[in-house]
Amino acid sequence: MDPHVVFDCQKIVSDRFALTMAAAARARALTRGAEPRLDLPGASATNLALHEIAGGAFRQDELTPFLSGSASPARLPAPNSKSTELRGDGASSAAPAPVSSPQEAVH
């Protein structure tokens, strides 16, 4: 992977995590048979995805899900009160681990 391509990609998608997610999504699509947007014979799906991002082969709405602050963050549902209750008397059913004696050798 050419570091200059990654540098050019960061001009489009400044967050490295978002860039990784966008490139991985495009590489999966290419692996599943999506039509390449650039002609780079012999390039792997990952390198082709990065070259496509660096070359501006994407519309802004295609990159929007990967850009920070572009959409509302996904939130986990609030826990219901029944799932946070302890079972039984609240005591653990696991047996305590035996304490090792100082005479035991650890190998």
C-alpha atoms as a PDB file:
ATOM      1  CA  MET A   1       0.000   0.000   0.000  1.00  0.00           C
ATOM      2  CA  ASP A   2       1.405   3.322  -1.079  1.00  0.00           C
ATOM      3  CA  PRO A   3       1.557   5.812   1.820  1.00  0.00           C
ATOM      4  CA  HIS A   4       1.041   8.676  -0.651  1.00  0.00           C
ATOM      5  CA  VAL A   5      -2.351   7.222  -1.556  1.00  0.00           C
ATOM      6  CA  VAL A   6      -3.318   7.124   2.121  1.00  0.00           C
ATOM      7  CA  PHE A   7      -2.172  10.739   2.462  1.00  0.00           C
ATOM      8  CA  ASP A   8      -4.338  11.702  -0.515  1.00  0.00           C
ATOM      9  CA  CYS A   9      -7.256   9.778   0.998  1.00  0.00           C
ATOM     10  CA  GLN A  10      -6.916  11.744   4.219  1.00  0.00           C
ATOM     11  CA  LYS A  11      -7.554  14.932   2.255  1.00  0.00           C
ATOM     12  CA  ILE A  12     -10.976  13.492   1.404  1.00  0.00           C
ATOM     13  CA  VAL A  13     -11.715  11.678   4.704  1.00  0.00           C
ATOM     14  CA  SER A  14      -9.607  13.244   7.459  1.00  0.00           C
ATOM     15  CA  ASP A  15     -10.470  10.746  10.210  1.00  0.00           C
ATOM     16  CA  ARG A  16      -8.330   7.605   9.839  1.00  0.00           C
ATOM     17  CA  PHE A  17     -10.964   5.382  11.424  1.00  0.00           C
ATOM     18  CA  ALA A  18     -13.623   6.663   9.036  1.00  0.00           C
ATOM     19  CA  LEU A  19     -11.201   6.196   6.145  1.00  0.00           C
ATOM     20  CA  THR A  20     -10.595   2.610   7.210  1.00  0.00           C
ATOM     21  CA  MET A  21     -14.321   1.936   7.423  1.00  0.00           C
ATOM     22  CA  ALA A  22     -14.993   3.521   4.013  1.00  0.00           C
ATOM     23  CA  ALA A  23     -12.139   1.644   2.331  1.00  0.00           C
ATOM     24  CA  ALA A  24     -13.174  -1.642   3.944  1.00  0.00           C
ATOM     25  CA  ALA A  25     -16.774  -1.207   2.809  1.00  0.00           C
ATOM     26  CA  ARG A  26     -15.678  -0.440  -0.752  1.00  0.00           C
ATOM     27  CA  ALA A  27     -13.177  -3.329  -0.771  1.00  0.00           C
ATOM     28  CA  ARG A  28     -15.953  -5.718   0.330  1.00  0.00           C
ATOM     29  CA  ALA A  29     -18.181  -4.409  -2.437  1.00  0.00           C
ATOM     30  CA  LEU A  30     -15.401  -4.911  -4.992  1.00  0.00           C
ATOM     31  CA  THR A  31     -14.769  -8.417  -3.720  1.00  0.00           C
ATOM     32  CA  ARG A  32     -18.481  -9.196  -4.100  1.00  0.00           C
ATOM     33  CA  GLY A  33     -18.437  -8.084  -7.720  1.00  0.00           C
ATOM     34  CA  ALA A  34     -19.011  -4.324  -7.769  1.00  0.00           C
ATOM     35  CA  GLU A  35     -17.768  -2.558 -10.877  1.00  0.00           C
ATOM     36  CA  PRO A  36     -14.387  -0.810 -10.310  1.00  0.00           C
ATOM     37  CA  ARG A  37     -14.467   2.945 -10.865  1.00  0.00           C
ATOM     38  CA  LEU A  38     -10.799   3.158 -11.843  1.00  0.00           C
ATOM     39  CA  ASP A  39      -8.775   1.022 -14.208  1.00  0.00           C
ATOM     40  CA  LEU A  40      -5.891  -0.372 -12.130  1.00  0.00           C
ATOM     41  CA  PRO A  41      -5.063  -3.842 -13.436  1.00  0.00           C
ATOM     42  CA  GLY A  42      -3.583  -6.172 -10.853  1.00  0.00           C
ATOM     43  CA  ALA A  43      -4.523  -4.014  -7.854  1.00  0.00           C
ATOM     44  CA  SER A  44      -6.016  -5.730  -4.829  1.00  0.00           C
ATOM     45  CA  ALA A  45      -9.514  -4.775  -3.724  1.00  0.00           C
ATOM     46  CA  THR A  46      -8.092  -2.821  -0.782  1.00  0.00           C
ATOM     47  CA  ASN A  47      -5.638  -0.832  -2.893  1.00  0.00           C
ATOM     48  CA  LEU A  48      -8.273  -0.202  -5.531  1.00  0.00           C
ATOM     49  CA  ALA A  49     -10.681   1.076  -2.866  1.00  0.00           C
ATOM     50  CA  LEU A  50      -8.050   3.472  -1.515  1.00  0.00           C
ATOM     51  CA  HIS A  51      -7.162   4.696  -5.004  1.00  0.00           C
ATOM     52  CA  GLU A  52     -10.839   5.292  -5.718  1.00  0.00           C
ATOM     53  CA  ILE A  53     -11.220   7.357  -2.543  1.00  0.00           C
ATOM     54  CA  ALA A  54      -8.021   9.331  -3.245  1.00  0.00           C
ATOM     55  CA  GLY A  55      -9.012   9.870  -6.867  1.00  0.00           C
ATOM     56  CA  GLY A  56     -12.375  11.349  -5.954  1.00  0.00           C
ATOM     57  CA  ALA A  57     -14.360   8.565  -7.597  1.00  0.00           C
ATOM     58  CA  PHE A  58     -17.060   8.876  -4.914  1.00  0.00           C
ATOM     59  CA  ARG A  59     -19.942  11.266  -4.565  1.00  0.00           C
ATOM     60  CA  GLN A  60     -20.198  13.116  -1.261  1.00  0.00           C
ATOM     61  CA  ASP A  61     -23.407  11.270  -0.324  1.00  0.00           C
ATOM     62  CA  GLU A  62     -21.552   7.939  -0.654  1.00  0.00           C
ATOM     63  CA  LEU A  63     -18.919   9.021   1.869  1.00  0.00           C
ATOM     64  CA  THR A  64     -21.352  10.755   4.237  1.00  0.00           C
ATOM     65  CA  PRO A  65     -21.973   7.685   6.452  1.00  0.00           C
ATOM     66  CA  PHE A  66     -18.241   7.523   7.193  1.00  0.00           C
ATOM     67  CA  LEU A  67     -17.669  11.205   7.957  1.00  0.00           C
ATOM     68  CA  SER A  68     -17.781  12.337  11.568  1.00  0.00           C
ATOM     69  CA  GLY A  69     -20.743  14.407  12.612  1.00  0.00           C
ATOM     70  CA  SER A  70     -22.636  13.663   9.421  1.00  0.00           C
ATOM     71  CA  ALA A  71     -25.319  11.499  10.951  1.00  0.00           C
ATOM     72  CA  SER A  72     -26.757  10.973  14.360  1.00  0.00           C
ATOM     73  CA  PRO A  73     -24.769   8.379  16.280  1.00  0.00           C
ATOM     74  CA  ALA A  74     -26.285   4.974  16.756  1.00  0.00           C
ATOM     75  CA  ARG A  75     -27.452   4.511  20.311  1.00  0.00           C
ATOM     76  CA  LEU A  76     -28.024   1.351  22.250  1.00  0.00           C
ATOM     77  CA  PRO A  77     -31.498   0.886  23.658  1.00  0.00           C
ATOM     78  CA  ALA A  78     -31.946   1.714  27.312  1.00  0.00           C
ATOM     79  CA  PRO A  79     -31.793  -1.367  29.520  1.00  0.00           C
ATOM     80  CA  ASN A  80     -35.090  -2.514  30.904  1.00  0.00           C
ATOM     81  CA  SER A  81     -35.373  -2.784  34.671  1.00  0.00           C
ATOM     82  CA  LYS A  82     -35.877  -6.556  34.668  1.00  0.00           C
ATOM     83  CA  SER A  83     -32.597  -7.329  32.896  1.00  0.00           C
ATOM     84  CA  THR A  84     -30.555  -5.467  35.524  1.00  0.00           C
ATOM     85  CA  GLU A  85     -31.957  -7.335  38.497  1.00  0.00           C
ATOM     86  CA  LEU A  86     -29.746  -9.890  40.209  1.00  0.00           C
ATOM     87  CA  ARG A  87     -30.754 -13.511  40.099  1.00  0.00           C
ATOM     88  CA  GLY A  88     -31.718 -15.267  43.301  1.00  0.00           C
ATOM     89  CA  ASP A  89     -30.207 -13.670  46.365  1.00  0.00           C
ATOM     90  CA  GLY A  90     -27.583 -11.822  44.316  1.00  0.00           C
ATOM     91  CA  ALA A  91     -24.764 -14.094  45.414  1.00  0.00           C
ATOM     92  CA  SER A  92     -22.509 -15.583  42.799  1.00  0.00           C
ATOM     93  CA  SER A  93     -22.864 -19.264  42.072  1.00  0.00           C
ATOM     94  CA  ALA A  94     -19.201 -19.613  41.102  1.00  0.00           C
ATOM     95  CA  ALA A  95     -16.845 -21.336  43.509  1.00  0.00           C
ATOM     96  CA  PRO A  96     -13.939 -19.257  44.785  1.00  0.00           C
ATOM     97  CA  ALA A  97     -10.511 -20.091  43.375  1.00  0.00           C
ATOM     98  CA  PRO A  98      -8.183 -21.879  45.783  1.00  0.00           C
ATOM     99  CA  VAL A  99      -5.388 -19.812  47.221  1.00  0.00           C
ATOM    100  CA  SER A 100      -1.985 -21.076  46.178  1.00  0.00           C
ATOM    101  CA  SER A 101       0.535 -21.866  48.864  1.00  0.00           C
ATOM    102  CA  PRO A 102       3.863 -20.070  48.837  1.00  0.00           C
ATOM    103  CA  GLN A 103       5.650 -23.420  48.381  1.00  0.00           C
ATOM    104  CA  GLU A 104       4.213 -23.987  44.901  1.00  0.00           C
ATOM    105  CA  ALA A 105       6.606 -23.323  42.069  1.00  0.00           C
ATOM    106  CA  VAL A 106       5.383 -21.542  38.991  1.00  0.00           C
ATOM    107  CA  HIS A 107       7.012 -22.728  35.802  1.00  0.00           C
END
